[in-house]
N, C-alpha and C. Protein backbone atom coordinates (compact mmCIF):
# COMPACT_ATOMS: atom_id res chain seq x y z
N MET A 1 0.04 6.40 -12.03
CA MET A 1 0.82 5.61 -12.27
C MET A 1 2.11 5.63 -12.96
N ALA A 2 2.21 7.07 -13.93
CA ALA A 2 3.54 7.22 -14.23
C ALA A 2 4.46 7.89 -12.88
N SER A 3 3.91 8.21 -11.92
CA SER A 3 4.89 8.62 -10.82
C SER A 3 5.20 7.35 -10.34
N GLU A 4 4.51 6.08 -10.20
CA GLU A 4 5.13 5.01 -9.62
C GLU A 4 6.23 4.30 -10.30
N ILE A 5 6.00 4.36 -11.72
CA ILE A 5 6.87 3.99 -12.44
C ILE A 5 8.36 4.46 -12.42
N PHE A 6 8.02 5.81 -12.36
CA PHE A 6 9.51 6.81 -12.19
C PHE A 6 10.03 6.56 -11.00
N LEU A 7 9.11 6.34 -9.55
CA LEU A 7 10.00 6.00 -8.73
C LEU A 7 10.80 4.62 -8.48
N ILE A 8 9.77 3.72 -9.05
CA ILE A 8 10.55 2.26 -9.18
C ILE A 8 11.78 2.44 -10.09
N GLU A 9 11.50 3.24 -10.99
CA GLU A 9 12.70 3.07 -11.98
C GLU A 9 14.21 3.96 -11.49
N GLN A 10 13.56 4.76 -10.39
CA GLN A 10 14.53 5.28 -9.58
C GLN A 10 15.26 4.70 -8.31
N GLY A 11 14.76 3.57 -8.34
CA GLY A 11 15.09 2.70 -7.19
C GLY A 11 14.60 3.33 -5.53
N PHE A 12 13.66 4.13 -5.86
CA PHE A 12 13.02 4.55 -4.69
C PHE A 12 12.57 3.68 -3.37
N TYR A 13 11.82 2.76 -3.96
CA TYR A 13 11.36 1.71 -3.27
C TYR A 13 12.03 0.58 -2.65
N ASP A 14 13.39 0.57 -3.40
CA ASP A 14 14.33 -0.64 -2.88
C ASP A 14 14.90 -0.69 -1.45
N ALA A 15 14.64 -1.56 -0.65
CA ALA A 15 15.16 -1.53 0.76
C ALA A 15 14.04 -0.88 1.63
N VAL A 16 12.90 -0.67 1.24
CA VAL A 16 12.04 0.21 2.05
C VAL A 16 11.10 -0.68 2.75
N ALA A 17 11.10 -0.86 4.00
CA ALA A 17 10.25 -1.44 4.72
C ALA A 17 8.88 -1.00 4.86
N CYS A 18 7.78 -1.95 4.99
CA CYS A 18 6.39 -1.79 5.18
C CYS A 18 6.13 -1.44 6.69
N HIS A 19 5.39 -0.32 6.75
CA HIS A 19 5.30 0.26 8.15
C HIS A 19 4.08 0.09 8.87
N ARG A 20 3.20 -0.25 8.26
CA ARG A 20 1.67 -0.35 8.90
C ARG A 20 0.94 -1.38 8.38
N LEU A 21 0.21 -1.90 9.23
CA LEU A 21 -0.49 -3.24 9.33
C LEU A 21 -1.87 -2.76 9.76
N THR A 22 -3.12 -2.80 8.99
CA THR A 22 -4.37 -2.80 9.68
C THR A 22 -5.23 -4.09 9.70
N THR A 23 -5.57 -4.80 10.60
CA THR A 23 -6.07 -6.23 10.57
C THR A 23 -7.70 -5.92 11.27
N ALA A 24 -8.27 -4.72 11.17
CA ALA A 24 -9.82 -4.62 11.55
C ALA A 24 -10.66 -3.73 10.82
N GLY A 25 -11.53 -3.98 10.32
CA GLY A 25 -12.33 -2.96 9.55
C GLY A 25 -11.67 -2.61 7.79
N ILE A 26 -10.56 -2.72 8.21
CA ILE A 26 -9.69 -2.59 6.80
C ILE A 26 -8.55 -3.50 6.85
N PHE A 27 -8.27 -4.05 5.64
CA PHE A 27 -7.20 -5.27 5.69
C PHE A 27 -6.27 -4.96 4.49
N VAL A 28 -5.17 -4.04 5.05
CA VAL A 28 -4.05 -3.69 4.08
C VAL A 28 -3.02 -3.40 5.17
N LEU A 29 -1.73 -3.47 4.27
CA LEU A 29 -0.13 -3.38 4.39
C LEU A 29 0.26 -2.21 3.93
N GLN A 30 0.60 -1.35 4.31
CA GLN A 30 0.94 0.28 4.14
C GLN A 30 2.85 0.24 4.01
N CYS A 31 3.24 0.57 2.71
CA CYS A 31 4.71 0.35 2.57
C CYS A 31 4.74 1.75 1.64
N GLY A 32 6.09 2.29 1.16
CA GLY A 32 6.33 3.30 0.17
C GLY A 32 6.85 4.59 1.02
N ASP A 33 7.21 4.08 2.35
CA ASP A 33 7.77 5.42 2.88
C ASP A 33 9.22 5.43 3.37
N PRO A 34 9.96 5.93 2.75
CA PRO A 34 11.32 5.70 3.10
C PRO A 34 11.80 5.81 4.48
N LYS A 35 11.04 6.78 5.02
CA LYS A 35 11.27 7.13 6.57
C LYS A 35 11.04 5.79 7.45
N GLY A 36 10.03 5.36 6.95
CA GLY A 36 9.23 3.98 7.93
C GLY A 36 8.54 4.48 8.93
N ASP A 37 7.82 5.67 9.04
CA ASP A 37 6.96 5.89 10.22
C ASP A 37 5.75 6.64 9.70
N GLY A 38 5.44 6.61 8.38
CA GLY A 38 4.26 7.14 7.61
C GLY A 38 4.12 8.54 7.09
N THR A 39 5.25 9.32 7.52
CA THR A 39 5.79 10.49 6.86
C THR A 39 6.26 10.74 5.94
N GLY A 40 7.11 10.21 5.22
CA GLY A 40 7.73 10.28 4.24
C GLY A 40 7.40 10.02 2.94
N GLY A 41 7.90 10.66 1.87
CA GLY A 41 7.22 10.57 0.40
C GLY A 41 8.56 11.01 -0.41
N PRO A 42 8.07 11.27 -1.84
CA PRO A 42 9.22 11.66 -2.73
C PRO A 42 9.47 13.39 -2.99
N GLY A 43 8.71 14.04 -1.91
CA GLY A 43 8.57 15.46 -2.11
C GLY A 43 7.63 16.16 -3.16
N TYR A 44 6.60 15.32 -3.70
CA TYR A 44 6.04 15.90 -4.63
C TYR A 44 4.52 15.03 -4.56
N GLN A 45 3.56 15.50 -4.65
CA GLN A 45 2.06 14.90 -4.63
C GLN A 45 1.59 14.80 -5.99
N VAL A 46 0.70 13.95 -6.13
CA VAL A 46 0.12 13.42 -7.52
C VAL A 46 -1.60 13.41 -7.46
N PRO A 47 -1.93 13.72 -8.77
CA PRO A 47 -3.53 13.75 -8.51
C PRO A 47 -4.19 12.51 -8.51
N ASP A 48 -5.53 12.35 -7.94
CA ASP A 48 -5.86 10.91 -8.15
C ASP A 48 -6.39 10.51 -9.13
N GLU A 49 -6.44 9.44 -9.65
CA GLU A 49 -6.82 8.73 -10.66
C GLU A 49 -7.35 7.56 -10.72
N ASN A 50 -8.25 6.93 -11.58
CA ASN A 50 -8.54 5.34 -11.53
C ASN A 50 -9.06 5.11 -10.18
N LEU A 51 -10.26 6.09 -9.63
CA LEU A 51 -10.70 5.69 -7.99
C LEU A 51 -11.76 4.58 -8.53
N PRO A 52 -12.14 3.68 -7.61
CA PRO A 52 -13.26 2.78 -7.49
C PRO A 52 -14.46 3.36 -7.23
N ALA A 53 -15.53 2.73 -7.53
CA ALA A 53 -16.95 3.23 -7.39
C ALA A 53 -17.11 3.20 -5.87
N GLU A 54 -17.77 3.89 -5.13
CA GLU A 54 -18.47 3.63 -3.93
C GLU A 54 -19.29 2.32 -3.99
N GLY A 55 -18.87 1.48 -2.61
CA GLY A 55 -19.84 0.21 -2.69
C GLY A 55 -18.78 -0.73 -2.01
N PRO A 56 -19.55 -1.80 -1.54
CA PRO A 56 -18.98 -2.78 -0.71
C PRO A 56 -17.89 -3.40 -1.47
N THR A 57 -16.78 -3.75 -0.58
CA THR A 57 -15.40 -4.60 -1.20
C THR A 57 -14.93 -3.74 -2.46
N ASN A 58 -14.89 -2.13 -2.51
CA ASN A 58 -14.48 -1.61 -3.68
C ASN A 58 -13.01 -1.72 -3.65
N TYR A 59 -12.09 -1.98 -2.58
CA TYR A 59 -10.84 -2.94 -3.09
C TYR A 59 -10.69 -4.02 -2.53
N PRO A 60 -10.76 -4.96 -3.33
CA PRO A 60 -10.86 -6.30 -3.64
C PRO A 60 -9.46 -6.80 -3.07
N ALA A 61 -9.30 -7.88 -2.55
CA ALA A 61 -8.01 -8.71 -2.02
C ALA A 61 -7.05 -8.64 -3.27
N GLY A 62 -5.95 -8.33 -3.27
CA GLY A 62 -4.89 -8.29 -4.21
C GLY A 62 -4.99 -6.84 -4.67
N SER A 63 -5.44 -5.99 -4.22
CA SER A 63 -5.47 -4.57 -5.05
C SER A 63 -4.09 -3.69 -4.55
N VAL A 64 -3.64 -2.73 -5.10
CA VAL A 64 -2.59 -2.22 -4.87
C VAL A 64 -3.15 -0.54 -4.95
N ALA A 65 -2.98 -0.07 -4.23
CA ALA A 65 -3.68 1.41 -4.16
C ALA A 65 -2.86 2.79 -3.13
N MET A 66 -2.80 3.77 -3.79
CA MET A 66 -2.21 5.05 -3.21
C MET A 66 -2.74 5.21 -2.09
N ALA A 67 -1.90 5.39 -0.94
CA ALA A 67 -2.35 5.97 0.35
C ALA A 67 -2.36 7.62 0.40
N ASN A 68 -3.19 8.30 0.98
CA ASN A 68 -2.95 9.60 0.83
C ASN A 68 -3.66 10.38 2.38
N ALA A 69 -3.31 11.81 2.16
CA ALA A 69 -3.78 12.57 3.50
C ALA A 69 -5.01 13.20 2.98
N GLY A 70 -5.86 13.13 1.99
CA GLY A 70 -6.65 13.84 1.35
C GLY A 70 -6.52 13.61 -0.26
N PRO A 71 -7.69 14.46 -1.01
CA PRO A 71 -7.79 14.27 -2.08
C PRO A 71 -6.49 14.82 -2.86
N ASN A 72 -6.01 14.37 -3.95
CA ASN A 72 -4.72 14.81 -4.66
C ASN A 72 -3.52 15.02 -3.75
N THR A 73 -3.19 14.12 -2.70
CA THR A 73 -2.07 14.20 -1.93
C THR A 73 -1.44 13.15 -1.93
N ALA A 74 -1.63 11.87 -2.65
CA ALA A 74 -0.66 11.05 -2.83
C ALA A 74 0.82 11.06 -3.13
N GLY A 75 1.79 10.52 -2.64
CA GLY A 75 3.02 10.50 -3.10
C GLY A 75 3.70 9.08 -3.31
N SER A 76 4.29 8.39 -2.51
CA SER A 76 4.84 7.42 -2.83
C SER A 76 4.37 5.99 -1.98
N GLN A 77 3.60 6.42 -0.94
CA GLN A 77 2.96 5.55 0.23
C GLN A 77 1.86 4.91 -0.63
N PHE A 78 1.68 3.51 -0.54
CA PHE A 78 0.63 2.61 -1.22
C PHE A 78 -0.06 1.71 0.00
N PHE A 79 -0.90 0.95 -0.35
CA PHE A 79 -1.10 0.15 0.52
C PHE A 79 -1.65 -1.45 -0.57
N LEU A 80 -1.30 -2.60 0.00
CA LEU A 80 -1.72 -3.91 -0.25
C LEU A 80 -2.75 -4.48 0.27
N VAL A 81 -3.66 -4.85 -0.63
CA VAL A 81 -5.05 -5.42 0.01
C VAL A 81 -5.09 -6.89 0.23
N TYR A 82 -4.97 -7.25 1.72
CA TYR A 82 -4.57 -8.91 1.38
C TYR A 82 -6.17 -9.57 1.93
N GLU A 83 -7.23 -8.74 2.24
CA GLU A 83 -8.75 -9.19 2.11
C GLU A 83 -9.58 -8.01 1.65
N ASP A 84 -10.63 -8.74 1.03
CA ASP A 84 -11.62 -7.75 0.37
C ASP A 84 -12.04 -6.60 1.69
N THR A 85 -11.99 -5.48 0.99
CA THR A 85 -12.05 -4.29 1.75
C THR A 85 -13.03 -2.99 1.36
N THR A 86 -13.47 -2.24 2.40
CA THR A 86 -14.60 -1.25 1.82
C THR A 86 -13.96 -0.10 2.48
N LEU A 87 -13.52 0.89 1.56
CA LEU A 87 -13.04 2.06 1.92
C LEU A 87 -13.61 3.29 1.10
N PRO A 88 -13.67 4.54 1.51
CA PRO A 88 -14.18 5.69 0.66
C PRO A 88 -13.08 5.40 -0.66
N PRO A 89 -13.96 5.70 -1.89
CA PRO A 89 -13.59 5.70 -3.10
C PRO A 89 -12.53 6.85 -3.20
N GLY A 90 -11.68 6.99 -2.57
CA GLY A 90 -10.59 8.27 -2.65
C GLY A 90 -9.20 7.48 -2.92
N TYR A 91 -8.84 6.34 -3.20
CA TYR A 91 -7.45 5.95 -3.44
C TYR A 91 -7.47 5.40 -4.51
N THR A 92 -6.45 5.76 -5.56
CA THR A 92 -6.23 5.54 -6.89
C THR A 92 -5.64 3.91 -6.47
N ILE A 93 -6.41 3.19 -7.24
CA ILE A 93 -5.97 1.75 -7.70
C ILE A 93 -5.06 2.00 -8.57
N TRP A 94 -3.69 1.32 -8.49
CA TRP A 94 -2.51 1.57 -9.66
C TRP A 94 -2.08 -0.02 -9.63
N GLY A 95 -2.73 -1.14 -9.36
CA GLY A 95 -1.89 -2.21 -9.50
C GLY A 95 -2.54 -3.52 -8.90
N THR A 96 -2.23 -5.02 -9.07
CA THR A 96 -3.04 -5.94 -8.93
C THR A 96 -1.80 -6.78 -8.38
N ILE A 97 -1.98 -7.51 -7.27
CA ILE A 97 -0.83 -8.49 -6.85
C ILE A 97 -1.10 -9.80 -7.53
N THR A 98 -0.07 -9.94 -8.62
CA THR A 98 -0.17 -11.41 -9.29
C THR A 98 0.43 -12.52 -8.94
N ALA A 99 1.14 -12.45 -7.72
CA ALA A 99 1.81 -13.45 -7.29
C ALA A 99 2.11 -13.01 -5.60
N GLY A 100 2.19 -13.65 -4.58
CA GLY A 100 2.55 -13.52 -3.47
C GLY A 100 1.74 -13.05 -2.09
N LEU A 101 0.29 -13.12 -2.95
CA LEU A 101 -0.88 -12.69 -1.73
C LEU A 101 -0.92 -13.59 -0.61
N ASP A 102 -0.64 -15.16 -0.81
CA ASP A 102 -0.31 -15.84 0.41
C ASP A 102 0.55 -15.20 1.44
N ILE A 103 1.79 -14.71 0.90
CA ILE A 103 2.80 -14.23 1.86
C ILE A 103 2.63 -12.89 2.44
N LEU A 104 1.72 -12.21 1.91
CA LEU A 104 0.58 -10.86 2.59
C LEU A 104 -0.06 -11.44 3.52
N ARG A 105 -0.66 -12.23 3.12
CA ARG A 105 -1.75 -12.99 4.18
C ARG A 105 -1.00 -13.24 5.51
N GLN A 106 0.27 -14.04 5.23
CA GLN A 106 1.00 -14.45 6.22
C GLN A 106 1.53 -13.51 7.48
N VAL A 107 1.71 -12.24 6.67
CA VAL A 107 2.30 -11.18 7.58
C VAL A 107 1.17 -10.74 8.44
N ALA A 108 0.10 -10.57 7.71
CA ALA A 108 -1.25 -9.89 8.27
C ALA A 108 -1.38 -11.08 9.48
N ALA A 109 -1.38 -12.28 9.30
CA ALA A 109 -1.77 -13.07 10.43
C ALA A 109 -0.71 -12.97 11.58
N GLY A 110 0.35 -12.64 11.38
CA GLY A 110 1.32 -12.18 12.56
C GLY A 110 0.89 -11.18 13.35
N GLY A 111 -0.05 -10.35 12.92
CA GLY A 111 -0.52 -9.23 13.49
C GLY A 111 0.38 -8.11 13.67
N VAL A 112 -0.05 -7.05 14.63
CA VAL A 112 0.52 -5.68 14.64
C VAL A 112 1.35 -6.17 15.69
N ALA A 113 2.56 -5.46 15.91
CA ALA A 113 3.59 -5.26 16.88
C ALA A 113 2.95 -4.85 18.26
N GLY A 114 3.05 -5.66 19.32
CA GLY A 114 2.21 -5.06 20.52
C GLY A 114 0.93 -5.02 20.66
N GLY A 115 0.11 -5.89 19.66
CA GLY A 115 -1.33 -5.85 19.76
C GLY A 115 -1.81 -4.82 18.88
N GLY A 116 -3.18 -4.99 19.40
CA GLY A 116 -3.88 -3.83 18.36
C GLY A 116 -4.21 -4.00 17.03
N SER A 117 -4.67 -3.34 16.53
CA SER A 117 -5.53 -3.60 15.00
C SER A 117 -4.63 -2.67 13.92
N ASP A 118 -4.10 -1.77 14.70
CA ASP A 118 -3.01 -0.87 13.77
C ASP A 118 -2.06 -0.43 14.13
N GLY A 119 -1.03 -0.65 13.22
CA GLY A 119 0.31 -0.19 13.68
C GLY A 119 1.70 -1.05 12.81
N ALA A 120 2.69 -1.15 13.36
CA ALA A 120 4.00 -1.73 12.88
C ALA A 120 3.60 -3.17 12.57
N PRO A 121 3.65 -3.97 11.57
CA PRO A 121 3.35 -5.41 11.62
C PRO A 121 4.53 -5.94 12.60
N SER A 122 3.87 -6.97 13.07
CA SER A 122 5.01 -8.11 14.24
C SER A 122 6.28 -8.53 13.11
N GLN A 123 5.82 -9.04 12.17
CA GLN A 123 6.83 -9.45 11.12
C GLN A 123 7.15 -8.49 10.17
N SER A 124 8.51 -7.93 10.17
CA SER A 124 8.72 -7.03 9.44
C SER A 124 8.96 -7.80 7.98
N ILE A 125 8.64 -6.73 6.99
CA ILE A 125 8.71 -7.22 5.75
C ILE A 125 9.36 -6.19 4.82
N THR A 126 10.23 -5.96 4.12
CA THR A 126 10.99 -5.02 3.28
C THR A 126 11.06 -5.09 1.84
N ILE A 127 10.81 -4.16 0.93
CA ILE A 127 10.84 -4.01 -0.42
C ILE A 127 12.39 -4.48 -0.85
N GLU A 128 12.66 -5.46 -1.34
CA GLU A 128 14.00 -5.61 -1.53
C GLU A 128 14.48 -4.75 -2.54
N THR A 129 13.79 -5.26 -3.73
CA THR A 129 13.72 -4.42 -5.29
C THR A 129 12.60 -4.28 -5.86
N ALA A 130 12.10 -3.22 -6.28
CA ALA A 130 10.66 -3.08 -7.05
C ALA A 130 11.00 -3.06 -8.59
N THR A 131 10.15 -3.83 -9.26
CA THR A 131 10.08 -3.87 -10.54
C THR A 131 8.54 -3.30 -11.34
N ALA A 132 8.63 -2.63 -12.08
CA ALA A 132 7.23 -2.52 -12.98
C ALA A 132 6.85 -3.16 -14.16
N GLN A 133 6.04 -3.78 -14.42
CA GLN A 133 5.54 -4.66 -15.48
C GLN A 133 4.30 -4.03 -15.99
N ALA A 134 4.08 -3.46 -16.96
CA ALA A 134 3.23 -2.90 -17.92
C ALA A 134 1.65 -4.16 -18.09
N GLY A 135 0.97 -3.74 -18.05
CA GLY A 135 -0.36 -4.75 -17.91
C GLY A 135 -1.26 -4.09 -18.46
């Protein structure tokens, strides 16, 4: 979480589009890639922490968790969970959506550009300015 606060304070997420929506099996919108194609990051990786237990709906709606390419490979990409989702417990949960879940669900309802269940959202969504709030 210290890395996320650092990136937020540096303005890393400002004007960054959310690039990936999944609408079947898992229900997430992925953001945090300054390249916008799923390959970008801050140039470093952080270790996993605060992992949920294995089990059904271990990533409940409103969770904010780090995307990764395997253990201890998270960087800046994260996903917003808009419906209860079950995943392997390898994604660091670092926040909770406290307002705006309805907006996230509207984006998800718009589906994936070009159809399908995984890809760029039909309705573009961009983080204008990110701020951190201790909880």
